[in-house]
Every structure is written in structure tokens, then in C-alpha cells.
Amino acid sequence: MDMPIILQTHDLTFRYQDAPKPALAGIDLEIEDGSFVAILGHNGSGKSTLAKHFNAILLPEGGYVHVLGMDSANQELLLEIRRTVGMVFQNPDNQIVANIVEDDVAFAPENLGVPTEDIRKRVDHALKLVGMSEYALHAPHLLSGGQKQRIAIAGVLAMRPQCIVLDEPTAMLDPIGRREVIGTVKRICGQFGMTVVLITHHMNEAAEAQRLVVMSEGRIVADGSPAQVFSNPELLEREGLDVPDTVKILRELKNAGLNVPLDALSTQECTQAIAMALGVGI
């Protein structure tokens, strides 16, 4: 059964003031409700500009953006659109506004006028979702980068959005922090059916998504499953993108004569594929 479309763009164009060329040059894209989509591209490809159109931080110069059928250019629908689509940015310090974790998570629903008794439930639930309940009374500035980003995600979740857009949320984190955040994102999408749009340039993160959209020069140049996209190394190389570490390992083994598949993207799948090819148990 087809899932409803939550985000839709048609012939979307946008140019920053005084820029020599458009940041978005005719984007047609549909994202299904409940899906986990990663949008890839080198710096300047337009991926972050597209992300900011999904909750009307930026408005189209041409074409349109619809969120559950709501036109982002309609100012009367702005609040409802931003309730539907929550944004998480690169630097969690820019989204943390309070001195206590639970107060920070409560900030957005308070501004939305959510009743006090419901705010308490939302804060507890959001912190539980991101695995940060034990830090409710801690000071955010004393937390690690990955923990801060999970708090920022909890603050968005407390708004109860139907979709969460993460604009390079791990760009400032170390590998441990990146794993924390991406693990949280996968859990939110898988267990609770929330639509997740992840903007990233980390291929290992992208491999965790259900669908990849590759952008270049403000246009979409590839759209498919991770296995489909990563099976086109010529395209990725042309766009200055790499492949996940697992794909690199499998390719080297295949070139060395070992009969392994190239679409075992996760670490677990890759390990199992190698063990099977070698005829050993794990």
C-alpha cells in the first residue's frame, strides 16, 4: 500500500541574493510519510537550502513546497507547517536555550501553548526516546557534543512533529557522537513511524537510510535505495562523494577473488557476507 506524501516539491527554484547561480534549480521530490531519507551532496550542492524549504525557513522563488498538502508560501499556514516539520541543525549549542536539560526540552512546547501537565509528559517522553532521561536535571553545557545534539533532537520531538529534518546534525561531532545521534534517528523512525530527512555528507550515515537522494549544483542527480546509489561509483566519484567503509571492504575482497555481494551495507550485514563467503560461522 502506498504511503501518503508528507513533503512534496515541484520545480522548486531558489537563488540567494547576489549569488551567480541558483542554489536550487528545479527540484521535483516526493517524500513518503514514515520514511527515512538521506540527502547527500558536496558543499554547495543545495542540500541544506532544500532542507530549509521543508519547514518554510526559506520560501520558493519559483515552484512550490507542500507539507501534507499545505503550501509553504501561505503565511497563514506557517505555524502549522512548523508544527508538522521540526528542524535540527549542525550546532546544538545554537538550539539549547536553558540552563537545565528538561527546561530546554520544554521550551518549544511552552511557546506552542501546550498545557503544563502535557508538557511534563512530552518532556519525559522525548528524553526517553533519545536515551537522555537520566540527564534531565543536568546543565546542557556540561554534556558531550553527541549528548547535546540528542537534547536538541528531544526539544524538537517534544513539539510532536510528524517529520524531523536534520541538517548535518553530526558535522561537529566525533565518531562516538555521530553513532549516538544516528542511532537515535534510526530508532525514532523505526519504532515510531516518524518521517526523517537527514542531510549529511557522511556515507556511513547515509547507508542507514531507506532512500538516498544525491544533489549536485542545485539539482537531483540520483534517487534510490542505498544499494542502488552506492552501486554507481562513477556517479559518486564525479560528485566528490565516497562510499561507505563496508562497500570499500567488499569491493576490495571481490577484486581479490572472494565472492561477496556489494550491497551488504551495514557492519553486521558486511560481517555476515564475508563469513558466508569464507565458509565460517560467526
Protein backbone atom coordinates (compact mmCIF):
# COMPACT_ATOMS: atom_id res chain seq x y z
CA MET A 1 0.00 0.00 0.00
CA ASP A 2 1.34 3.42 -0.96
CA MET A 3 2.15 5.73 1.93
CA PRO A 4 0.83 9.30 1.90
CA ILE A 5 3.23 12.02 0.75
CA ILE A 6 4.31 14.34 3.56
CA LEU A 7 6.82 16.53 1.68
CA GLN A 8 6.47 17.49 -1.96
CA THR A 9 8.36 19.96 -4.11
CA HIS A 10 7.61 20.82 -7.72
CA ASP A 11 10.00 22.77 -9.97
CA LEU A 12 11.43 24.34 -6.81
CA THR A 13 13.90 27.13 -7.52
CA PHE A 14 15.74 29.44 -5.15
CA ARG A 15 18.63 31.88 -5.51
CA TYR A 16 20.46 33.66 -2.69
CA GLN A 17 20.82 37.39 -3.13
CA ASP A 18 23.77 38.32 -5.36
CA ALA A 19 24.59 34.64 -6.00
CA PRO A 20 25.82 33.97 -9.57
CA LYS A 21 23.59 30.91 -9.99
CA PRO A 22 20.56 29.39 -8.26
CA ALA A 23 21.02 27.21 -5.16
CA LEU A 24 18.02 25.13 -6.29
CA ALA A 25 17.31 24.70 -9.98
CA GLY A 26 14.00 22.92 -10.46
CA ILE A 27 13.68 20.29 -7.72
CA ASP A 28 10.89 17.71 -8.05
CA LEU A 29 10.77 15.48 -4.99
CA GLU A 30 8.20 13.49 -3.01
CA ILE A 31 8.93 12.05 0.44
CA GLU A 32 6.57 9.47 1.90
CA ASP A 33 5.26 9.73 5.43
CA GLY A 34 7.15 7.45 7.82
CA SER A 35 10.22 7.05 5.60
CA PHE A 36 13.90 7.67 6.40
CA VAL A 37 15.53 9.62 3.57
CA ALA A 38 19.13 10.86 3.43
CA ILE A 39 20.00 13.77 1.14
CA LEU A 40 23.63 13.80 0.01
CA GLY A 41 25.87 16.20 -1.86
CA HIS A 42 29.12 18.09 -1.67
CA ASN A 43 29.29 21.59 -0.19
CA GLY A 44 27.23 23.96 -2.32
CA SER A 45 25.09 21.21 -3.84
CA GLY A 46 21.89 22.75 -2.43
CA LYS A 47 21.03 20.09 0.14
CA SER A 48 20.86 22.43 3.16
CA THR A 49 18.96 25.02 1.14
CA LEU A 50 16.41 22.34 0.27
CA ALA A 51 16.16 21.30 3.94
CA LYS A 52 15.32 24.87 4.97
CA HIS A 53 12.42 24.88 2.50
CA PHE A 54 10.77 21.91 4.21
CA ASN A 55 9.62 23.97 7.19
CA ALA A 56 9.48 27.36 5.49
CA ILE A 57 12.69 28.86 6.88
CA LEU A 58 13.23 29.67 3.20
CA LEU A 59 10.42 30.22 0.69
CA PRO A 60 10.45 29.25 -3.00
CA GLU A 61 11.45 31.74 -5.64
CA GLY A 62 9.68 29.52 -8.15
CA GLY A 63 7.66 26.32 -7.96
CA TYR A 64 6.22 25.19 -4.65
CA VAL A 65 6.74 23.19 -1.47
CA HIS A 66 3.80 21.33 0.06
CA VAL A 67 3.81 19.87 3.57
CA LEU A 68 0.89 17.45 3.89
CA GLY A 69 -0.68 19.48 1.11
CA MET A 70 -0.06 22.83 2.85
CA ASP A 71 1.64 25.43 0.65
CA SER A 72 4.72 26.78 2.45
CA ALA A 73 4.22 30.18 0.80
CA ASN A 74 0.90 30.64 2.64
CA GLN A 75 1.76 32.72 5.72
CA GLU A 76 -1.45 31.62 7.44
CA LEU A 77 -0.19 28.02 7.42
CA LEU A 78 3.32 28.81 8.68
CA LEU A 79 2.74 27.77 12.31
CA GLU A 80 1.04 24.51 11.32
CA ILE A 81 3.84 23.70 8.88
CA ARG A 82 6.46 24.23 11.58
CA ARG A 83 4.47 22.08 13.98
CA THR A 84 4.49 19.35 11.34
CA VAL A 85 8.18 19.62 10.39
CA GLY A 86 10.81 20.11 13.11
CA MET A 87 14.40 21.14 12.32
CA VAL A 88 17.68 20.13 13.97
CA PHE A 89 20.82 21.98 12.87
CA GLN A 90 24.59 21.39 12.85
CA ASN A 91 25.48 23.14 16.08
CA PRO A 92 23.42 22.01 19.09
CA ASP A 93 24.68 24.99 21.12
CA ASN A 94 22.61 27.24 18.84
CA GLN A 95 19.42 25.36 19.77
CA ILE A 96 19.94 25.00 23.51
CA VAL A 97 18.33 27.93 25.35
CA ALA A 98 18.01 26.88 29.01
CA ASN A 99 20.38 26.04 31.87
CA ILE A 100 18.68 22.74 32.74
CA VAL A 101 18.10 19.94 30.22
CA GLU A 102 14.40 19.40 30.98
CA ASP A 103 13.72 23.15 30.80
CA ASP A 104 15.36 23.28 27.39
CA VAL A 105 13.24 20.41 26.07
CA ALA A 106 10.11 22.12 27.46
CA PHE A 107 10.89 25.43 25.74
CA ALA A 108 9.27 24.74 22.35
CA PRO A 109 6.00 23.19 23.61
CA GLU A 110 5.66 26.06 26.10
CA ASN A 111 5.88 28.50 23.21
CA LEU A 112 3.26 26.49 21.35
CA GLY A 113 0.88 26.95 24.29
CA VAL A 114 0.79 23.29 25.30
CA PRO A 115 -0.88 22.82 28.74
CA THR A 116 1.59 22.45 31.63
CA GLU A 117 0.56 18.89 32.52
CA ASP A 118 1.05 17.80 28.89
CA ILE A 119 4.45 19.49 28.71
CA ARG A 120 5.72 17.33 31.58
CA LYS A 121 4.62 14.18 29.73
CA ARG A 122 6.14 15.37 26.47
CA VAL A 123 9.49 16.23 28.07
CA ASP A 124 9.74 12.87 29.83
CA HIS A 125 8.76 11.01 26.67
CA ALA A 126 11.17 12.95 24.43
CA LEU A 127 14.11 12.44 26.79
CA LYS A 128 13.31 8.74 26.96
CA LEU A 129 13.22 8.50 23.16
CA VAL A 130 16.73 9.92 22.85
CA GLY A 131 18.10 7.98 25.84
CA MET A 132 18.75 11.04 27.98
CA SER A 133 16.24 10.67 30.84
CA GLU A 134 18.98 10.41 33.47
CA TYR A 135 20.32 13.81 32.41
CA ALA A 136 17.03 15.69 32.87
CA LEU A 137 18.40 17.87 35.68
CA HIS A 138 21.90 18.33 34.25
CA ALA A 139 23.33 21.51 32.76
CA PRO A 140 23.42 21.16 28.94
CA HIS A 141 26.75 22.98 28.58
CA LEU A 142 28.46 20.22 30.61
CA LEU A 143 27.33 17.46 28.23
CA SER A 144 29.30 15.98 25.33
CA GLY A 145 28.61 17.07 21.75
CA GLY A 146 26.61 13.93 20.99
CA GLN A 147 24.57 14.32 24.17
CA LYS A 148 23.86 17.98 23.36
CA GLN A 149 22.65 17.03 19.91
CA ARG A 150 20.36 14.37 21.39
CA ILE A 151 18.94 17.06 23.70
CA ALA A 152 18.36 19.29 20.66
CA ILE A 153 16.52 16.39 19.00
CA ALA A 154 14.46 15.87 22.16
CA GLY A 155 13.47 19.54 22.08
CA VAL A 156 12.10 19.07 18.56
CA LEU A 157 10.39 15.77 19.45
CA ALA A 158 8.59 17.47 22.35
CA MET A 159 6.78 19.54 19.72
CA ARG A 160 5.34 16.24 18.42
CA PRO A 161 6.18 16.88 14.75
CA GLN A 162 5.22 14.37 12.09
CA CYS A 163 8.56 14.89 10.35
CA ILE A 164 12.02 15.78 11.62
CA VAL A 165 14.65 17.28 9.30
CA LEU A 166 18.25 17.07 10.48
CA ASP A 167 20.64 19.41 8.65
CA GLU A 168 24.10 17.83 9.03
CA PRO A 169 23.48 17.13 12.75
CA THR A 170 26.76 15.25 13.19
CA ALA A 171 29.05 17.66 11.33
CA MET A 172 30.62 18.93 14.57
CA LEU A 173 30.74 15.57 16.38
CA ASP A 174 33.37 12.89 16.86
CA PRO A 175 32.67 9.31 15.69
CA ILE A 176 31.13 8.32 19.04
CA GLY A 177 28.80 11.32 18.97
CA ARG A 178 27.84 10.56 15.36
CA ARG A 179 26.90 6.98 16.26
CA GLU A 180 24.80 8.21 19.21
CA VAL A 181 22.84 10.64 17.07
CA ILE A 182 22.31 8.37 14.05
CA GLY A 183 21.28 5.50 16.34
CA THR A 184 18.70 7.82 17.90
CA VAL A 185 17.42 8.91 14.49
CA LYS A 186 17.02 5.32 13.29
CA ARG A 187 15.16 4.35 16.46
CA ILE A 188 12.75 7.30 16.13
CA CYS A 189 11.93 6.41 12.54
CA GLY A 190 11.78 2.64 13.01
CA GLN A 191 9.82 2.44 16.27
CA PHE A 192 7.55 5.45 15.97
CA GLY A 193 6.99 5.87 12.25
CA MET A 194 8.20 9.45 12.18
CA THR A 195 9.42 10.77 8.85
CA VAL A 196 13.15 11.52 9.00
CA VAL A 197 15.08 13.58 6.44
CA LEU A 198 18.83 13.51 7.11
CA ILE A 199 21.14 15.96 5.36
CA THR A 200 24.66 14.57 5.51
CA HIS A 201 27.97 14.13 3.72
CA HIS A 202 28.94 11.06 5.79
CA MET A 203 28.40 7.97 3.65
CA ASN A 204 28.26 5.59 6.61
CA GLU A 205 25.32 7.61 7.97
CA ALA A 206 23.58 7.68 4.61
CA ALA A 207 23.82 3.90 4.37
CA GLU A 208 21.45 3.66 7.36
CA ALA A 209 18.61 5.36 5.45
CA GLN A 210 15.93 3.65 3.37
CA ARG A 211 16.38 6.02 0.44
CA LEU A 212 19.16 8.29 -0.82
CA VAL A 213 18.77 11.49 -2.82
CA VAL A 214 22.01 12.85 -4.30
CA MET A 215 22.19 16.54 -5.20
CA SER A 216 24.62 18.49 -7.35
CA GLU A 217 24.54 22.13 -8.48
CA GLY A 218 21.01 22.56 -7.15
CA ARG A 219 19.61 19.51 -8.95
CA ILE A 220 18.84 15.87 -8.08
CA VAL A 221 21.28 13.57 -9.89
CA ALA A 222 20.39 10.24 -8.22
CA ASP A 223 17.48 8.87 -6.20
CA GLY A 224 17.15 5.30 -4.98
CA SER A 225 17.94 2.81 -2.26
CA PRO A 226 21.41 2.92 -0.68
CA ALA A 227 22.32 -0.29 -2.54
CA GLN A 228 21.30 1.27 -5.86
CA VAL A 229 23.11 4.56 -5.31
CA PHE A 230 26.30 3.07 -3.90
CA SER A 231 26.48 0.62 -6.80
CA ASN A 232 27.26 3.59 -9.07
CA PRO A 233 30.82 4.55 -8.07
CA GLU A 234 31.33 6.63 -11.23
CA LEU A 235 28.49 8.97 -10.24
CA LEU A 236 29.70 9.28 -6.66
CA GLU A 237 33.27 9.96 -7.74
CA ARG A 238 32.08 12.61 -10.19
CA GLU A 239 30.18 14.32 -7.39
CA GLY A 240 33.11 14.19 -4.99
CA LEU A 241 31.40 11.64 -2.75
CA ASP A 242 32.76 8.45 -1.25
CA VAL A 243 31.15 5.10 -0.48
CA PRO A 244 30.62 3.55 2.99
CA ASP A 245 33.55 1.71 4.54
CA THR A 246 31.68 -1.58 4.21
CA VAL A 247 31.36 -1.12 0.43
CA LYS A 248 35.08 -0.35 0.16
CA ILE A 249 35.95 -3.56 2.04
CA LEU A 250 33.58 -5.69 -0.04
CA ARG A 251 34.90 -4.26 -3.32
CA GLU A 252 38.50 -4.97 -2.34
CA LEU A 253 37.58 -8.52 -1.37
CA LYS A 254 35.66 -9.05 -4.60
CA ASN A 255 38.60 -7.72 -6.63
CA ALA A 256 40.78 -10.20 -4.75
CA GLY A 257 38.54 -13.05 -5.91
CA LEU A 258 36.18 -13.53 -2.93
CA ASN A 259 32.54 -14.00 -3.93
CA VAL A 260 30.87 -11.34 -1.78
CA PRO A 261 27.85 -9.11 -2.51
CA LEU A 262 28.39 -5.36 -2.80
CA ASP A 263 25.09 -4.39 -1.19
CA ALA A 264 25.78 -5.57 2.39
CA LEU A 265 25.90 -2.01 3.70
CA SER A 266 25.64 -2.28 7.47
CA THR A 267 28.54 -3.55 9.57
CA GLN A 268 26.51 -6.60 10.60
CA GLU A 269 25.48 -7.44 7.01
CA CYS A 270 29.04 -6.96 5.81
CA THR A 271 30.43 -9.24 8.52
CA GLN A 272 27.87 -11.93 7.73
CA ALA A 273 28.53 -11.70 3.99
CA ILE A 274 32.28 -12.11 4.47
CA ALA A 275 31.83 -15.00 6.89
CA MET A 276 29.49 -16.76 4.48
CA ALA A 277 31.92 -16.28 1.59
CA LEU A 278 34.72 -17.70 3.72
CA GLY A 279 32.54 -20.57 4.95
CA VAL A 280 32.97 -19.73 8.63
CA GLY A 281 30.41 -19.19 11.36
CA ILE A 282 30.06 -16.02 13.40
